[in-house]
């Protein structure tokens, strides 16, 4: 990056384990994590349910190096699952299987969550792709969050990949977004007036039992509670490695652009929270193939046009990081093939078989883009 070091970027990806015959989710995460740890070490671990496996990349300054690790990590998990007679899919929601209530991973935190939040945990067999971008301090992270809140609906539409839930089409591109919105502290973050405003809110959430700890801040953007990054939690698990790379490249450019605007003191666009919430809902319902709410005008416009607008805004930052060619190419391919939800539905419509959706996801998790 010209003039300064490129911002670091990393990812946490959550996957579902499925039985190769029934294609239903399989509660064997413990065995697969143990198997994969021989190759990935502490970059693989469990999640809330025993249907899920989480993997993590290292922080990278090169998007090409990040892309290579995303692909190699996915391949390692696929190999580990195969040795246990299982498949791995990257979908925001389970296509087949009875998951409510899900088998929870053993441990004090998950036990405490179930005791505190009850049936909210029942629909959390949902998988996300979290992108981390390195930031210098809490104050900077909060100012970036304030500036990027209006773009959350576009990211939801871009990554919607959870249209089916245990055997039925939900009518949403991202049903995961809808289920996560039920938590006490979730969805678009508030506008933060200062670091002390943020800390006061967190203290209030903890003291009232609204969250167990800082890890329970489920906002779509949040300062990470364990690493010096701004964590973007808005996206469904992405079908292919290339979609994760596209998301990471966009988010790093968004962060850099917002950081520059903060430095120059550019005004912050503050949409009404009610309209921002509505825009996130509409993006979750329609995904990339539909209409989204333009928060500038309050009117509907095609989601792909909003992504094009986002890309146009980000071109200077993409070029500075050396990511423009890769990100623009990946977006052109996704625009042509349709979003994850669209491709899941297309897989189903060919023969009307839910198992075909799982097979599509299975064949795509390590696909070349």
Protein backbone atom coordinates (compact mmCIF):
# COMPACT_ATOMS: atom_id res chain seq x y z
CA UNK A 1 0.00 0.00 0.00
CA UNK A 2 1.52 3.28 -1.08
CA UNK A 3 2.71 5.49 1.75
CA UNK A 4 1.73 3.20 4.61
CA UNK A 5 1.43 -0.44 5.53
CA UNK A 6 -1.64 -2.26 4.26
CA UNK A 7 -4.27 -2.97 6.88
CA UNK A 8 -4.21 -6.58 8.07
CA UNK A 9 -7.16 -8.80 7.22
CA UNK A 10 -8.17 -12.21 8.56
CA UNK A 11 -11.25 -14.42 8.69
CA UNK A 12 -13.17 -16.83 10.89
CA UNK A 13 -15.29 -19.24 8.86
CA UNK A 14 -17.96 -21.54 10.29
CA UNK A 15 -18.90 -24.74 8.47
CA UNK A 16 -21.53 -27.47 8.84
CA UNK A 17 -20.79 -31.19 8.91
CA UNK A 18 -23.16 -33.40 6.94
CA UNK A 19 -23.72 -37.11 6.48
CA UNK A 20 -22.74 -38.16 2.93
CA UNK A 21 -25.81 -40.40 2.52
CA UNK A 22 -28.70 -38.52 4.12
CA UNK A 23 -27.05 -35.08 3.68
CA UNK A 24 -28.45 -34.14 7.09
CA UNK A 25 -26.21 -32.30 9.54
CA UNK A 26 -24.03 -34.55 11.67
CA UNK A 27 -23.10 -33.89 15.31
CA UNK A 28 -19.49 -35.04 15.11
CA UNK A 29 -17.66 -31.73 15.37
CA UNK A 30 -15.48 -32.90 18.25
CA UNK A 31 -13.99 -35.73 16.24
CA UNK A 32 -13.45 -33.60 13.13
CA UNK A 33 -11.83 -30.77 15.10
CA UNK A 34 -9.44 -33.26 16.71
CA UNK A 35 -8.64 -34.72 13.30
CA UNK A 36 -8.08 -31.34 11.66
CA UNK A 37 -5.98 -30.00 14.53
CA UNK A 38 -3.11 -32.21 13.42
CA UNK A 39 -2.78 -29.98 10.35
CA UNK A 40 -4.32 -26.68 11.47
CA UNK A 41 -3.41 -26.55 15.15
CA UNK A 42 -5.32 -23.89 17.05
CA UNK A 43 -6.73 -22.47 13.81
CA UNK A 44 -9.60 -24.96 14.05
CA UNK A 45 -12.06 -25.30 16.89
CA UNK A 46 -15.64 -26.02 17.96
CA UNK A 47 -18.67 -23.76 17.83
CA UNK A 48 -21.92 -23.52 19.77
CA UNK A 49 -23.39 -26.72 18.31
CA UNK A 50 -21.76 -30.05 17.58
CA UNK A 51 -22.84 -29.69 13.95
CA UNK A 52 -20.36 -26.84 13.41
CA UNK A 53 -16.62 -26.40 12.96
CA UNK A 54 -14.85 -23.04 13.00
CA UNK A 55 -11.57 -22.27 11.24
CA UNK A 56 -9.41 -19.16 11.39
CA UNK A 57 -6.81 -17.60 9.16
CA UNK A 58 -3.77 -15.69 10.28
CA UNK A 59 -3.80 -11.90 9.78
CA UNK A 60 -2.51 -10.99 6.31
CA UNK A 61 -1.43 -7.82 4.54
CA UNK A 62 -1.51 -9.52 1.12
CA UNK A 63 -5.00 -10.44 -0.10
CA UNK A 64 -3.43 -13.06 -2.38
CA UNK A 65 -1.75 -14.73 0.61
CA UNK A 66 -5.03 -14.52 2.53
CA UNK A 67 -6.81 -16.20 -0.40
CA UNK A 68 -4.32 -19.04 -0.46
CA UNK A 69 -4.77 -19.70 3.26
CA UNK A 70 -8.56 -19.62 2.97
CA UNK A 71 -8.38 -22.30 0.27
CA UNK A 72 -5.81 -24.46 2.05
CA UNK A 73 -7.65 -24.27 5.38
CA UNK A 74 -10.94 -25.29 3.80
CA UNK A 75 -9.19 -28.19 2.06
CA UNK A 76 -7.66 -29.34 5.35
CA UNK A 77 -11.06 -29.44 7.07
CA UNK A 78 -12.59 -31.30 4.13
CA UNK A 79 -9.82 -33.92 4.32
CA UNK A 80 -10.23 -34.30 8.09
CA UNK A 81 -13.99 -34.74 7.76
CA UNK A 82 -13.57 -37.28 4.96
CA UNK A 83 -11.34 -39.39 7.21
CA UNK A 84 -14.29 -39.47 9.61
CA UNK A 85 -16.72 -40.37 6.82
CA UNK A 86 -18.30 -36.91 6.63
CA UNK A 87 -18.64 -33.97 4.26
CA UNK A 88 -18.31 -30.25 4.94
CA UNK A 89 -20.51 -27.48 3.55
CA UNK A 90 -20.35 -23.70 3.83
CA UNK A 91 -23.88 -22.45 4.20
CA UNK A 92 -25.43 -19.97 6.58
CA UNK A 93 -28.08 -22.51 7.59
CA UNK A 94 -28.65 -26.29 7.63
CA UNK A 95 -30.54 -27.53 4.58
CA UNK A 96 -31.49 -30.93 6.04
CA UNK A 97 -31.75 -32.40 9.53
CA UNK A 98 -33.62 -31.71 12.74
CA UNK A 99 -31.65 -29.08 14.62
CA UNK A 100 -33.99 -27.57 17.18
CA UNK A 101 -32.90 -27.89 19.89
CA UNK A 102 -29.36 -28.59 18.65
CA UNK A 103 -26.76 -30.69 20.47
CA UNK A 104 -24.63 -28.05 22.19
CA UNK A 105 -20.88 -28.28 22.54
CA UNK A 106 -19.85 -29.07 26.11
CA UNK A 107 -18.33 -26.25 28.11
CA UNK A 108 -19.22 -23.69 30.77
CA UNK A 109 -19.85 -20.83 28.33
CA UNK A 110 -22.28 -22.76 26.18
CA UNK A 111 -24.01 -24.14 29.28
CA UNK A 112 -24.37 -20.63 30.67
CA UNK A 113 -25.73 -19.40 27.33
CA UNK A 114 -28.42 -22.09 27.26
CA UNK A 115 -29.39 -21.35 30.86
CA UNK A 116 -29.60 -17.60 30.25
CA UNK A 117 -31.09 -17.36 26.77
CA UNK A 118 -33.14 -20.57 26.52
CA UNK A 119 -34.76 -21.14 23.15
CA UNK A 120 -32.69 -18.39 21.51
CA UNK A 121 -29.97 -21.01 21.28
CA UNK A 122 -32.30 -23.41 19.47
CA UNK A 123 -31.91 -21.74 16.09
CA UNK A 124 -28.21 -21.01 16.33
CA UNK A 125 -27.11 -23.83 14.08
CA UNK A 126 -26.25 -20.97 11.74
CA UNK A 127 -22.87 -20.25 10.22
CA UNK A 128 -21.14 -16.96 9.51
CA UNK A 129 -18.02 -15.58 7.91
CA UNK A 130 -16.39 -13.02 10.22
CA UNK A 131 -13.78 -10.67 8.77
CA UNK A 132 -11.23 -8.97 11.04
CA UNK A 133 -9.34 -5.83 10.02
CA UNK A 134 -6.54 -4.47 12.17
CA UNK A 135 -7.21 -1.07 13.78
CA UNK A 136 -5.01 0.91 16.19
CA UNK A 137 -7.40 1.49 19.09
CA UNK A 138 -10.99 1.41 20.34
CA UNK A 139 -11.74 5.03 19.48
CA UNK A 140 -10.70 4.51 15.87
CA UNK A 141 -12.68 1.28 15.64
CA UNK A 142 -15.85 3.01 16.83
CA UNK A 143 -15.46 5.90 14.38
CA UNK A 144 -15.05 3.43 11.52
CA UNK A 145 -18.11 1.51 12.71
CA UNK A 146 -20.13 4.75 12.75
CA UNK A 147 -19.21 5.49 9.14
CA UNK A 148 -19.85 1.99 7.77
CA UNK A 149 -23.23 1.27 9.39
CA UNK A 150 -25.13 2.46 6.28
CA UNK A 151 -23.38 -0.16 4.13
CA UNK A 152 -24.43 -3.14 6.24
CA UNK A 153 -27.52 -3.89 4.11
CA UNK A 154 -25.35 -4.10 0.99
CA UNK A 155 -23.06 -6.63 2.69
CA UNK A 156 -26.07 -8.68 3.81
CA UNK A 157 -27.38 -8.76 0.23
CA UNK A 158 -23.95 -9.62 -1.14
CA UNK A 159 -23.46 -12.62 1.15
CA UNK A 160 -26.98 -13.98 1.66
CA UNK A 161 -26.48 -17.76 1.70
CA UNK A 162 -29.08 -19.26 4.05
CA UNK A 163 -32.38 -19.57 2.17
CA UNK A 164 -33.25 -23.07 3.42
CA UNK A 165 -33.77 -24.14 7.02
CA UNK A 166 -34.16 -27.85 7.81
CA UNK A 167 -36.11 -28.81 4.73
CA UNK A 168 -38.01 -25.66 3.77
CA UNK A 169 -37.38 -22.51 1.82
CA UNK A 170 -37.72 -19.64 4.29
CA UNK A 171 -38.42 -17.02 1.66
CA UNK A 172 -35.26 -15.19 2.70
CA UNK A 173 -31.84 -15.01 1.10
CA UNK A 174 -30.30 -14.77 4.59
CA UNK A 175 -32.45 -16.46 7.20
CA UNK A 176 -29.39 -16.42 9.47
CA UNK A 177 -29.54 -12.62 9.61
CA UNK A 178 -33.13 -12.85 10.81
CA UNK A 179 -32.45 -15.42 13.52
CA UNK A 180 -29.45 -13.51 14.89
CA UNK A 181 -31.57 -10.37 15.07
CA UNK A 182 -33.50 -11.89 17.96
CA UNK A 183 -30.61 -11.58 20.37
CA UNK A 184 -30.57 -8.71 22.88
CA UNK A 185 -27.47 -7.09 21.37
CA UNK A 186 -27.42 -7.83 17.64
CA UNK A 187 -27.94 -6.32 14.22
CA UNK A 188 -26.62 -2.89 13.22
CA UNK A 189 -24.59 -1.30 16.03
CA UNK A 190 -25.67 2.04 17.47
CA UNK A 191 -23.89 5.27 16.64
CA UNK A 192 -21.22 5.61 19.30
CA UNK A 193 -20.59 9.11 20.62
CA UNK A 194 -17.29 8.12 22.25
CA UNK A 195 -15.35 5.20 23.73
CA UNK A 196 -16.92 5.96 27.11
CA UNK A 197 -20.38 5.70 25.51
CA UNK A 198 -19.41 2.26 24.20
CA UNK A 199 -18.02 1.17 27.59
CA UNK A 200 -21.10 2.40 29.44
CA UNK A 201 -23.36 0.43 27.10
CA UNK A 202 -21.29 -2.74 27.54
CA UNK A 203 -21.26 -2.36 31.31
CA UNK A 204 -25.03 -1.94 31.28
CA UNK A 205 -25.56 -5.01 29.13
CA UNK A 206 -23.41 -7.13 31.43
CA UNK A 207 -24.91 -5.82 34.67
CA UNK A 208 -28.45 -6.50 33.43
CA UNK A 209 -27.64 -9.99 32.15
CA UNK A 210 -28.34 -8.99 28.54
CA UNK A 211 -24.99 -10.50 27.56
CA UNK A 212 -22.71 -12.91 29.40
CA UNK A 213 -19.58 -10.92 28.57
CA UNK A 214 -18.07 -8.89 25.73
CA UNK A 215 -18.18 -11.95 23.50
CA UNK A 216 -21.97 -11.58 23.53
CA UNK A 217 -21.90 -8.33 21.59
CA UNK A 218 -23.44 -9.73 18.43
CA UNK A 219 -23.57 -6.48 16.49
CA UNK A 220 -22.85 -6.73 12.76
CA UNK A 221 -19.69 -4.68 13.40
CA UNK A 222 -17.93 -4.71 16.75
CA UNK A 223 -14.50 -4.06 18.22
CA UNK A 224 -13.11 -7.52 18.82
CA UNK A 225 -12.90 -8.48 22.49
CA UNK A 226 -9.76 -10.60 22.12
CA UNK A 227 -7.63 -9.22 19.25
CA UNK A 228 -6.87 -5.61 18.12
CA UNK A 229 -9.28 -5.62 15.20
CA UNK A 230 -12.64 -4.39 14.05
CA UNK A 231 -14.75 -7.50 13.49
CA UNK A 232 -17.38 -7.60 10.76
CA UNK A 233 -19.94 -10.28 11.67
CA UNK A 234 -22.58 -9.36 9.10
CA UNK A 235 -22.03 -12.10 6.50
CA UNK A 236 -23.41 -15.60 6.12
CA UNK A 237 -20.88 -18.36 5.60
CA UNK A 238 -19.84 -18.01 1.96
CA UNK A 239 -20.19 -20.92 -0.45
CA UNK A 240 -16.79 -20.64 -2.15
CA UNK A 241 -13.30 -19.46 -1.15
CA UNK A 242 -13.50 -16.67 -3.72
CA UNK A 243 -16.56 -15.16 -2.04
CA UNK A 244 -14.69 -14.99 1.25
CA UNK A 245 -11.79 -13.28 -0.52
CA UNK A 246 -14.18 -10.83 -2.20
CA UNK A 247 -15.81 -10.04 1.15
CA UNK A 248 -12.45 -9.56 2.86
CA UNK A 249 -11.15 -7.30 0.10
CA UNK A 250 -14.26 -5.14 0.19
CA UNK A 251 -14.27 -4.87 3.96
CA UNK A 252 -10.60 -3.95 4.16
CA UNK A 253 -11.17 -1.23 1.55
CA UNK A 254 -14.24 -0.02 3.43
CA UNK A 255 -12.22 0.20 6.62
CA UNK A 256 -9.39 2.09 4.92
CA UNK A 257 -11.83 4.49 3.27
CA UNK A 258 -13.65 5.16 6.54
CA UNK A 259 -10.32 5.61 8.32
CA UNK A 260 -9.29 8.21 5.75
CA UNK A 261 -12.62 10.02 6.14
CA UNK A 262 -12.14 10.04 9.90
CA UNK A 263 -8.67 11.53 9.49
CA UNK A 264 -9.94 14.33 7.26
CA UNK A 265 -13.03 14.97 9.41
CA UNK A 266 -15.55 14.25 6.67
CA UNK A 267 -19.19 14.34 7.83
CA UNK A 268 -20.79 11.07 8.94
CA UNK A 269 -24.02 9.87 7.35
CA UNK A 270 -26.40 8.84 10.15
CA UNK A 271 -29.49 7.11 8.76
CA UNK A 272 -32.48 6.79 11.04
CA UNK A 273 -32.01 3.56 13.04
CA UNK A 274 -35.53 2.48 12.12
CA UNK A 275 -34.77 2.79 8.40
CA UNK A 276 -31.38 1.08 8.78
CA UNK A 277 -33.09 -1.85 10.49
CA UNK A 278 -35.68 -2.00 7.70
CA UNK A 279 -32.93 -1.91 5.08
CA UNK A 280 -31.16 -4.83 6.75
CA UNK A 281 -34.42 -6.79 6.79
CA UNK A 282 -35.05 -6.10 3.12
CA UNK A 283 -31.50 -7.12 2.20
CA UNK A 284 -31.88 -10.36 4.17
CA UNK A 285 -35.14 -11.14 2.37
CA UNK A 286 -34.16 -10.23 -1.20
CA UNK A 287 -30.43 -10.90 -1.29
CA UNK A 288 -28.42 -10.08 -4.38
CA UNK A 289 -31.22 -10.82 -6.87
CA UNK A 290 -33.73 -8.37 -5.44
CA UNK A 291 -34.26 -4.81 -4.33
CA UNK A 292 -32.65 -2.99 -1.45
CA UNK A 293 -33.51 0.22 0.38
CA UNK A 294 -31.33 3.12 -0.69
CA UNK A 295 -30.76 4.88 2.63
CA UNK A 296 -29.92 8.16 0.86
CA UNK A 297 -33.30 8.36 -0.87
CA UNK A 298 -35.49 6.00 1.16
CA UNK A 299 -36.47 4.26 -2.07
CA UNK A 300 -35.87 0.80 -3.49
CA UNK A 301 -33.08 0.10 -5.98
CA UNK A 302 -31.52 -3.14 -7.28
CA UNK A 303 -29.11 -4.71 -4.82
CA UNK A 304 -26.49 -5.20 -7.54
CA UNK A 305 -26.59 -1.47 -8.26
CA UNK A 306 -25.88 -0.77 -4.61
CA UNK A 307 -22.87 -3.09 -4.71
CA UNK A 308 -21.67 -1.36 -7.86
CA UNK A 309 -21.98 1.94 -6.02
CA UNK A 310 -19.99 0.52 -3.11
CA UNK A 311 -17.26 -0.72 -5.48
CA UNK A 312 -17.03 2.69 -7.11
CA UNK A 313 -16.59 4.35 -3.71
CA UNK A 314 -13.88 1.88 -2.77
CA UNK A 315 -11.72 1.96 -5.92
CA UNK A 316 -9.04 4.29 -4.47
CA UNK A 317 -8.56 2.09 -1.39
CA UNK A 318 -8.64 -1.10 -3.46
CA UNK A 319 -5.95 0.29 -5.75
CA UNK A 320 -3.81 1.43 -2.81
CA UNK A 321 -3.89 -2.08 -1.34
CA UNK A 322 -3.24 -3.66 -4.75
CA UNK A 323 -6.60 -5.46 -4.56
CA UNK A 324 -8.58 -3.75 -7.31
CA UNK A 325 -8.08 -6.31 -10.09
CA UNK A 326 -8.83 -9.32 -7.88
CA UNK A 327 -11.85 -7.80 -6.13
CA UNK A 328 -13.36 -6.40 -9.32
CA UNK A 329 -12.93 -9.76 -11.07
CA UNK A 330 -14.50 -11.69 -8.20
CA UNK A 331 -17.44 -9.28 -8.07
CA UNK A 332 -17.99 -9.57 -11.83
CA UNK A 333 -18.14 -13.35 -11.51
CA UNK A 334 -20.53 -13.25 -8.57
CA UNK A 335 -22.74 -10.70 -10.31
CA UNK A 336 -22.96 -13.06 -13.30
CA UNK A 337 -23.58 -16.30 -11.39
CA UNK A 338 -25.85 -14.95 -8.65
CA UNK A 339 -25.53 -14.90 -4.89
CA UNK A 340 -25.21 -17.94 -2.66
CA UNK A 341 -28.95 -18.09 -1.97
CA UNK A 342 -29.74 -17.86 -5.68
CA UNK A 343 -27.42 -20.76 -6.45
CA UNK A 344 -28.87 -22.89 -3.65
CA UNK A 345 -32.36 -22.35 -5.06
CA UNK A 346 -31.17 -23.09 -8.58
CA UNK A 347 -29.67 -26.38 -7.39
CA UNK A 348 -33.04 -27.32 -5.88
CA UNK A 349 -35.13 -26.26 -8.85
CA UNK A 350 -33.32 -28.51 -11.31
CA UNK A 351 -34.85 -31.68 -9.86
CA UNK A 352 -36.77 -30.57 -6.78
CA UNK A 353 -34.40 -32.43 -4.44
CA UNK A 354 -33.06 -30.88 -1.26
CA UNK A 355 -30.13 -33.27 -1.35
CA UNK A 356 -28.98 -31.57 -4.55
CA UNK A 357 -28.50 -28.34 -2.58
CA UNK A 358 -26.18 -30.09 -0.15
CA UNK A 359 -24.27 -31.70 -3.02
CA UNK A 360 -23.89 -28.29 -4.64
CA UNK A 361 -22.51 -26.84 -1.40
CA UNK A 362 -20.22 -29.83 -0.90
CA UNK A 363 -18.72 -29.46 -4.37
CA UNK A 364 -18.25 -25.71 -3.96
CA UNK A 365 -16.45 -25.41 -0.62
CA UNK A 366 -12.98 -25.68 -2.18
CA UNK A 367 -13.93 -24.63 -5.71
CA UNK A 368 -11.55 -22.51 -7.75
CA UNK A 369 -12.96 -19.08 -8.56
